[in-house]
N, C-alpha and C. Protein backbone atom coordinates (compact mmCIF):
# COMPACT_ATOMS: atom_id res chain seq x y z
N MET A 1 -12.56 17.70 0.49
CA MET A 1 -11.26 17.03 0.25
C MET A 1 -11.33 15.87 1.05
N TYR A 2 -11.63 15.56 2.56
CA TYR A 2 -11.78 14.60 3.31
C TYR A 2 -12.79 13.62 2.43
N ASN A 3 -14.04 14.05 2.30
CA ASN A 3 -15.04 13.28 1.69
C ASN A 3 -14.44 12.79 0.56
N LYS A 4 -13.86 13.10 -0.66
CA LYS A 4 -13.55 12.93 -1.89
C LYS A 4 -12.35 11.60 -1.17
N PHE A 5 -11.43 11.97 -0.33
CA PHE A 5 -10.37 10.99 -0.15
C PHE A 5 -11.15 9.89 0.50
N ILE A 6 -12.18 9.57 1.37
CA ILE A 6 -13.08 8.75 1.93
C ILE A 6 -13.72 8.23 0.51
N LYS A 7 -14.28 8.47 -0.52
CA LYS A 7 -14.78 7.77 -1.53
C LYS A 7 -13.78 7.00 -2.10
N ILE A 8 -12.74 7.69 -2.40
CA ILE A 8 -11.51 6.96 -3.21
C ILE A 8 -11.09 5.87 -2.41
N MET A 9 -10.78 5.97 -0.93
CA MET A 9 -10.54 4.60 -0.36
C MET A 9 -11.64 3.43 -0.37
N ASN A 10 -12.91 4.08 -0.13
CA ASN A 10 -14.06 3.10 -0.16
C ASN A 10 -14.16 2.16 -1.61
N HIS A 11 -13.97 3.11 -2.69
CA HIS A 11 -13.78 2.29 -3.85
C HIS A 11 -12.44 1.47 -3.81
N ILE A 12 -11.42 1.49 -3.50
CA ILE A 12 -10.19 0.98 -3.26
C ILE A 12 -10.58 -0.22 -2.16
N PHE A 13 -11.08 -0.25 -1.63
CA PHE A 13 -11.51 -1.42 -0.21
C PHE A 13 -12.28 -2.34 -0.84
N GLN A 14 -13.66 -1.58 -1.79
CA GLN A 14 -14.35 -2.51 -2.52
C GLN A 14 -13.63 -3.37 -3.75
N ASP A 15 -13.18 -2.75 -4.35
CA ASP A 15 -12.05 -3.52 -5.48
C ASP A 15 -11.55 -4.62 -4.45
N ILE A 16 -10.77 -4.39 -3.57
CA ILE A 16 -9.89 -5.27 -3.07
C ILE A 16 -10.84 -6.72 -2.55
N ILE A 17 -12.08 -5.91 -2.11
CA ILE A 17 -12.74 -7.19 -1.13
C ILE A 17 -13.10 -7.99 -2.85
N HIS A 18 -13.70 -7.25 -3.68
CA HIS A 18 -14.09 -7.56 -4.91
C HIS A 18 -13.05 -8.92 -5.52
N LEU A 19 -11.90 -8.44 -5.28
CA LEU A 19 -10.48 -9.17 -6.18
C LEU A 19 -10.26 -10.60 -5.22
N GLN A 20 -10.64 -10.45 -3.54
CA GLN A 20 -10.43 -11.49 -2.62
C GLN A 20 -11.72 -12.42 -2.66
N LEU A 21 -12.72 -12.01 -3.09
CA LEU A 21 -13.53 -12.97 -3.07
C LEU A 21 -13.76 -13.86 -4.13
N LYS A 22 -13.19 -12.88 -5.32
CA LYS A 22 -13.01 -14.04 -6.75
C LYS A 22 -11.99 -14.98 -6.61
N LYS A 23 -10.70 -14.33 -5.81
CA LYS A 23 -9.70 -15.28 -5.52
C LYS A 23 -10.21 -16.53 -4.93
N ASN A 24 -11.09 -16.37 -3.52
CA ASN A 24 -11.56 -17.32 -3.02
C ASN A 24 -12.15 -18.37 -3.87
N PHE A 25 -13.24 -17.66 -4.77
CA PHE A 25 -14.16 -18.43 -5.71
C PHE A 25 -13.32 -19.48 -6.24
N LEU A 26 -12.26 -19.01 -7.02
CA LEU A 26 -11.62 -19.60 -7.89
C LEU A 26 -10.69 -20.85 -7.03
N LEU A 27 -10.18 -20.42 -6.11
CA LEU A 27 -9.70 -21.41 -5.29
C LEU A 27 -10.33 -22.64 -4.91
N LYS A 28 -11.50 -22.37 -4.56
CA LYS A 28 -12.67 -23.54 -3.99
C LYS A 28 -13.05 -23.96 -5.53
N ASN A 29 -13.21 -23.29 -6.77
CA ASN A 29 -14.17 -23.94 -7.45
C ASN A 29 -13.13 -24.66 -9.03
N VAL A 30 -11.97 -24.03 -9.23
CA VAL A 30 -10.91 -24.11 -10.26
C VAL A 30 -9.67 -24.53 -9.46
N THR A 31 -9.05 -25.88 -10.17
CA THR A 31 -7.95 -26.10 -9.75
C THR A 31 -6.90 -25.55 -10.49
N PRO A 32 -5.69 -25.55 -10.28
CA PRO A 32 -4.61 -24.92 -10.87
C PRO A 32 -4.64 -25.52 -12.36
N PHE A 33 -4.01 -24.57 -13.32
CA PHE A 33 -4.08 -24.95 -14.51
C PHE A 33 -2.74 -25.20 -15.50
N LEU A 34 -2.51 -26.01 -16.54
CA LEU A 34 -1.86 -26.26 -17.57
C LEU A 34 -1.87 -25.17 -18.63
N GLY A 35 -1.17 -24.42 -19.20
CA GLY A 35 -1.15 -23.19 -19.79
C GLY A 35 -2.30 -22.67 -19.65
N GLU A 36 -3.37 -22.39 -20.77
CA GLU A 36 -4.69 -21.87 -20.32
C GLU A 36 -5.86 -22.67 -20.21
N ASN A 37 -5.72 -24.06 -19.72
CA ASN A 37 -6.65 -24.74 -19.88
C ASN A 37 -6.98 -24.89 -18.05
N PHE A 38 -8.07 -24.18 -17.81
CA PHE A 38 -8.35 -24.52 -16.28
C PHE A 38 -9.28 -25.68 -16.27
N VAL A 39 -9.17 -26.54 -15.05
CA VAL A 39 -9.48 -27.63 -14.99
C VAL A 39 -10.43 -27.61 -13.71
N SER A 40 -11.98 -27.58 -13.87
CA SER A 40 -13.03 -27.42 -12.85
C SER A 40 -12.79 -28.72 -12.01
N LYS A 41 -13.01 -28.60 -10.77
CA LYS A 41 -13.18 -29.74 -9.90
C LYS A 41 -14.48 -30.64 -10.17
N LYS A 42 -15.60 -30.10 -10.68
CA LYS A 42 -16.66 -30.61 -11.42
C LYS A 42 -15.96 -31.44 -12.36
N ASP A 43 -15.03 -31.68 -13.37
CA ASP A 43 -14.68 -32.35 -14.57
C ASP A 43 -13.74 -33.64 -13.96
N ILE A 44 -13.19 -33.09 -12.83
CA ILE A 44 -12.64 -34.48 -12.23
C ILE A 44 -13.57 -35.80 -11.86
N CYS A 45 -13.21 -36.67 -12.15
CA CYS A 45 -14.24 -38.23 -12.07
C CYS A 45 -14.30 -38.09 -10.56
N LYS A 46 -15.64 -38.38 -10.20
CA LYS A 46 -16.10 -38.71 -8.81
C LYS A 46 -15.31 -39.66 -8.23
N LEU A 47 -15.13 -39.21 -7.03
CA LEU A 47 -14.23 -40.07 -6.10
C LEU A 47 -14.51 -41.53 -5.83
N GLU A 48 -15.90 -41.78 -6.01
CA GLU A 48 -15.94 -43.37 -5.86
C GLU A 48 -15.87 -44.06 -7.31
N GLU A 49 -15.23 -43.13 -8.15
CA GLU A 49 -14.86 -44.07 -9.46
C GLU A 49 -13.03 -44.40 -9.15
N TRP A 50 -12.41 -43.42 -8.38
CA TRP A 50 -11.10 -43.80 -7.68
C TRP A 50 -11.21 -45.15 -7.14
N PRO A 51 -9.95 -45.88 -7.44
CA PRO A 51 -9.90 -47.21 -6.67
C PRO A 51 -9.49 -46.99 -5.04
N THR A 52 -9.86 -48.00 -4.25
CA THR A 52 -9.53 -47.84 -2.89
C THR A 52 -8.07 -48.81 -2.84
N PHE A 53 -7.85 -48.51 -1.41
CA PHE A 53 -6.42 -49.50 -1.24
C PHE A 53 -6.50 -49.92 0.11
N SER A 54 -6.76 -51.30 0.33
CA SER A 54 -7.21 -51.70 1.31
C SER A 54 -5.43 -52.36 2.58
N GLY A 55 -4.55 -52.46 1.26
CA GLY A 55 -3.45 -52.74 1.76
C GLY A 55 -3.39 -54.47 2.28
N GLU A 56 -4.33 -54.97 1.56
CA GLU A 56 -4.51 -56.65 2.10
C GLU A 56 -4.48 -57.32 0.36
N GLY A 57 -4.58 -56.83 -0.58
CA GLY A 57 -4.62 -57.53 -1.82
C GLY A 57 -2.98 -57.60 -2.46
N GLU A 58 -2.82 -58.54 -3.63
CA GLU A 58 -1.70 -58.46 -3.93
C GLU A 58 -1.23 -57.58 -4.89
N TYR A 59 -2.50 -57.21 -5.46
CA TYR A 59 -2.45 -55.96 -6.68
C TYR A 59 -2.77 -54.74 -6.26
N ASN A 60 -3.50 -54.63 -5.16
CA ASN A 60 -4.34 -53.59 -4.83
C ASN A 60 -3.35 -52.59 -4.89
N HIS A 61 -2.28 -52.04 -4.51
CA HIS A 61 -1.50 -50.93 -4.65
C HIS A 61 -0.96 -50.57 -5.81
N ILE A 62 -0.75 -51.53 -6.70
CA ILE A 62 -0.53 -51.25 -8.03
C ILE A 62 -1.52 -50.57 -8.64
N GLU A 63 -2.69 -51.08 -8.67
CA GLU A 63 -3.84 -50.40 -9.29
C GLU A 63 -4.18 -49.37 -8.49
N LEU A 64 -3.95 -48.88 -7.40
CA LEU A 64 -4.17 -47.92 -6.98
C LEU A 64 -3.16 -46.62 -7.29
N ILE A 65 -1.72 -47.05 -7.34
CA ILE A 65 -0.88 -45.68 -7.91
C ILE A 65 -0.92 -45.68 -9.40
N ARG A 66 -0.91 -46.93 -10.17
CA ARG A 66 -1.34 -46.37 -11.89
C ARG A 66 -2.64 -45.70 -11.91
N THR A 67 -3.40 -45.86 -11.29
CA THR A 67 -5.07 -44.97 -11.81
C THR A 67 -4.79 -43.58 -11.43
N ILE A 68 -4.30 -43.61 -10.15
CA ILE A 68 -4.09 -42.22 -9.56
C ILE A 68 -3.01 -41.38 -10.31
N ASP A 69 -1.88 -42.03 -10.67
CA ASP A 69 -1.06 -41.42 -11.66
C ASP A 69 -2.22 -40.79 -12.96
N MET A 70 -2.59 -42.03 -13.56
CA MET A 70 -3.25 -41.58 -15.02
C MET A 70 -4.17 -40.60 -14.71
N LEU A 71 -5.08 -40.56 -13.62
CA LEU A 71 -6.09 -39.50 -13.38
C LEU A 71 -5.53 -38.15 -13.61
N GLN A 72 -4.11 -38.15 -12.63
CA GLN A 72 -3.49 -36.89 -12.25
C GLN A 72 -2.96 -36.18 -13.65
N LYS A 73 -2.61 -37.23 -14.57
CA LYS A 73 -2.04 -36.75 -16.11
C LYS A 73 -3.28 -36.35 -16.86
N ASP A 74 -4.16 -37.09 -16.89
CA ASP A 74 -5.32 -37.06 -17.52
C ASP A 74 -6.22 -35.42 -17.38
N PHE A 75 -6.58 -35.54 -16.09
CA PHE A 75 -7.25 -34.66 -15.94
C PHE A 75 -6.57 -33.30 -15.17
N HIS A 76 -5.02 -33.45 -15.09
CA HIS A 76 -4.06 -32.38 -14.53
C HIS A 76 -4.52 -32.16 -13.10
N ILE A 77 -4.83 -32.80 -12.18
CA ILE A 77 -5.34 -32.82 -10.92
C ILE A 77 -4.04 -32.86 -10.27
N PRO A 78 -3.94 -31.20 -9.66
CA PRO A 78 -2.74 -31.08 -8.95
C PRO A 78 -2.75 -32.52 -7.38
N ASP A 79 -1.37 -32.26 -7.14
CA ASP A 79 -1.14 -33.13 -5.87
C ASP A 79 -2.17 -33.02 -4.61
N GLU A 80 -2.57 -31.25 -4.50
CA GLU A 80 -3.54 -31.07 -3.41
C GLU A 80 -4.66 -31.95 -3.28
N ILE A 81 -5.28 -32.29 -4.35
CA ILE A 81 -6.57 -32.76 -4.53
C ILE A 81 -6.58 -34.10 -4.25
N ILE A 82 -5.17 -34.89 -4.87
CA ILE A 82 -5.20 -36.30 -4.54
C ILE A 82 -4.97 -36.51 -3.29
N VAL A 83 -3.93 -35.62 -2.98
CA VAL A 83 -3.95 -35.80 -1.02
C VAL A 83 -4.97 -35.52 -0.13
N GLU A 84 -5.82 -34.51 -0.66
CA GLU A 84 -6.90 -34.76 -0.01
C GLU A 84 -7.78 -35.94 0.45
N ASN A 85 -7.95 -36.57 -0.93
CA ASN A 85 -9.11 -37.81 -1.18
C ASN A 85 -8.23 -38.73 -0.56
N LEU A 86 -6.74 -38.84 -0.18
CA LEU A 86 -6.27 -40.06 0.19
C LEU A 86 -7.06 -40.91 1.82
N HIS A 87 -7.67 -39.75 2.31
CA HIS A 87 -8.20 -40.25 3.41
C HIS A 87 -9.49 -41.31 3.02
N PHE A 88 -9.98 -41.05 2.03
CA PHE A 88 -11.16 -41.81 1.47
C PHE A 88 -10.67 -42.92 0.46
N LEU A 89 -9.29 -43.02 -0.09
CA LEU A 89 -8.90 -44.02 -0.97
C LEU A 89 -8.36 -45.02 0.08
N PHE A 90 -7.74 -44.85 1.08
CA PHE A 90 -7.36 -45.81 1.77
C PHE A 90 -8.17 -46.17 2.62
N THR A 91 -8.60 -48.00 2.94
CA THR A 91 -9.03 -48.65 3.70
C THR A 91 -8.80 -49.63 4.71
N LYS A 92 -9.09 -49.82 5.78
CA LYS A 92 -9.02 -51.20 6.59
C LYS A 92 -7.41 -50.82 6.89
N THR A 93 -6.41 -51.51 6.87
CA THR A 93 -5.44 -51.68 7.22
C THR A 93 -4.34 -50.63 6.76
N ALA A 94 -4.69 -49.98 5.54
CA ALA A 94 -4.24 -49.28 4.84
C ALA A 94 -4.64 -47.82 5.33
N LYS A 95 -5.69 -47.94 5.95
CA LYS A 95 -6.03 -46.47 6.23
C LYS A 95 -5.41 -46.21 7.77
N LYS A 96 -5.35 -47.50 8.65
CA LYS A 96 -4.64 -47.32 9.71
C LYS A 96 -3.01 -46.89 9.71
N TRP A 97 -2.56 -47.59 8.76
CA TRP A 97 -0.87 -46.97 8.44
C TRP A 97 -1.18 -45.58 7.96
N TYR A 98 -2.03 -45.13 7.11
CA TYR A 98 -2.06 -43.75 6.69
C TYR A 98 -2.18 -42.99 7.62
N TYR A 99 -3.14 -43.00 8.52
CA TYR A 99 -3.40 -42.24 9.72
C TYR A 99 -1.99 -42.09 10.65
N LYS A 100 -1.63 -43.18 10.90
CA LYS A 100 0.06 -43.37 11.46
C LYS A 100 0.85 -42.39 11.03
N MET A 101 1.18 -42.88 9.63
CA MET A 101 2.08 -41.91 8.87
C MET A 101 1.85 -40.37 8.98
N ARG A 102 0.40 -40.14 8.87
CA ARG A 102 -0.02 -38.27 8.89
C ARG A 102 0.55 -37.89 10.37
N LEU A 103 0.09 -38.85 11.30
CA LEU A 103 0.96 -38.32 12.84
C LEU A 103 2.23 -38.43 12.74
N ASP A 104 2.83 -38.96 12.10
CA ASP A 104 4.37 -39.24 12.38
C ASP A 104 5.08 -38.29 11.43
N HIS A 105 4.88 -38.12 10.18
CA HIS A 105 5.46 -37.36 9.44
C HIS A 105 4.58 -36.15 8.46
N GLY A 106 3.21 -35.76 9.18
CA GLY A 106 2.87 -35.08 8.64
C GLY A 106 2.16 -35.03 6.99
N ASN A 107 1.70 -34.06 6.33
CA ASN A 107 1.27 -33.82 5.32
C ASN A 107 2.41 -33.87 4.34
N HIS A 108 2.03 -34.71 2.86
CA HIS A 108 3.10 -34.78 1.95
C HIS A 108 2.32 -34.67 0.53
N ASP A 109 3.08 -34.50 -0.61
CA ASP A 109 2.49 -34.53 -1.76
C ASP A 109 2.42 -36.05 -2.29
N TRP A 110 2.01 -36.36 -3.65
CA TRP A 110 1.70 -37.46 -3.83
C TRP A 110 2.77 -38.25 -4.05
N SER A 111 3.97 -37.85 -4.77
CA SER A 111 4.96 -38.65 -5.02
C SER A 111 5.42 -39.30 -4.03
N TRP A 112 5.39 -38.48 -2.45
CA TRP A 112 5.87 -38.96 -1.40
C TRP A 112 5.20 -39.99 -0.68
N TRP A 113 3.75 -40.01 -1.19
CA TRP A 113 2.66 -40.94 -0.44
C TRP A 113 2.83 -42.33 -1.31
N LYS A 114 3.05 -42.16 -2.77
CA LYS A 114 3.49 -43.07 -3.59
C LYS A 114 4.49 -43.90 -3.14
N SER A 115 5.30 -43.15 -2.98
CA SER A 115 7.01 -43.64 -2.35
C SER A 115 6.75 -44.76 -1.52
N GLU A 116 6.14 -44.16 -0.24
CA GLU A 116 5.66 -44.78 0.78
C GLU A 116 4.85 -46.05 0.90
N VAL A 117 3.91 -45.88 -0.20
CA VAL A 117 2.88 -47.08 -0.24
C VAL A 117 3.85 -48.27 -0.91
N ILE A 118 5.05 -47.69 -1.66
CA ILE A 118 5.65 -48.97 -2.46
C ILE A 118 6.78 -49.38 -1.48
N THR A 119 7.39 -48.54 -0.86
CA THR A 119 8.00 -48.76 0.53
C THR A 119 7.22 -49.80 1.19
N LYS A 120 6.26 -49.57 1.99
CA LYS A 120 5.55 -50.52 2.79
C LYS A 120 4.75 -51.89 2.22
N TRP A 121 4.43 -52.01 0.70
CA TRP A 121 3.95 -52.89 0.66
C TRP A 121 4.41 -53.63 -0.70
N VAL A 122 5.76 -53.41 -1.18
CA VAL A 122 6.31 -54.04 -2.07
C VAL A 122 7.51 -54.73 -1.44
N ASN A 123 7.38 -55.79 -1.12
CA ASN A 123 8.51 -56.09 -0.26
C ASN A 123 9.12 -57.50 -1.07
N ASN A 124 9.92 -58.19 -0.34
CA ASN A 124 10.72 -59.28 -1.10
C ASN A 124 9.58 -60.41 -1.42
N SER A 125 8.78 -60.91 -0.45
CA SER A 125 7.76 -61.84 -0.84
C SER A 125 6.64 -61.55 -1.73
N TRP A 126 6.68 -59.94 -1.72
CA TRP A 126 5.60 -59.76 -3.08
C TRP A 126 6.09 -60.08 -4.51
N ARG A 127 7.54 -59.52 -4.19
CA ARG A 127 8.36 -59.83 -5.47
C ARG A 127 8.25 -61.08 -6.01
N PHE A 128 8.59 -62.01 -4.70
CA PHE A 128 9.09 -63.49 -5.15
C PHE A 128 7.70 -64.09 -6.03
N LYS A 129 6.27 -63.70 -5.14
CA LYS A 129 5.25 -63.71 -5.80
C LYS A 129 5.06 -63.60 -7.16
N MET A 130 5.08 -62.22 -7.27
CA MET A 130 4.88 -61.86 -8.70
C MET A 130 6.05 -62.33 -9.75
N GLU A 131 7.10 -62.69 -9.29
CA GLU A 131 8.00 -63.24 -10.52
C GLU A 131 7.37 -64.67 -10.72
N ASN A 132 6.99 -65.40 -9.78
CA ASN A 132 6.58 -66.79 -9.82
C ASN A 132 5.19 -66.86 -10.78
N ALA A 133 4.66 -65.83 -10.53
CA ALA A 133 3.17 -65.89 -10.97
C ALA A 133 3.39 -65.62 -12.26
N PHE A 134 4.50 -65.10 -13.09
CA PHE A 134 4.39 -64.83 -14.71
C PHE A 134 5.67 -65.60 -15.03
């Protein structure tokens, strides 16, 4: 009786371990999905194809926001992946700002970061330049 119990428990533990391994694999290799369409991380365009943001160009922040929003929609990229890549997308002045914001405010989703980029880089002088440019 005891041996049968041990065999059953071993079988249950093996199933639990197998499910945990499968879950870990999926978390590392598949992003969350919409409906039945899983999106593999391999299907997301390469990071070097994403725009970078230095904080020093007139239109730099607009390109970053528009492109990331479009990539997120087209590839169903979850916020977690976008936020993971911000370390590489911000350069120069923007990277210094980003690290300070992370220290001061912690980690947030893409909509929060987008709002902060707009707050920081879309100011009255930028608006004035844009209005006069067109």
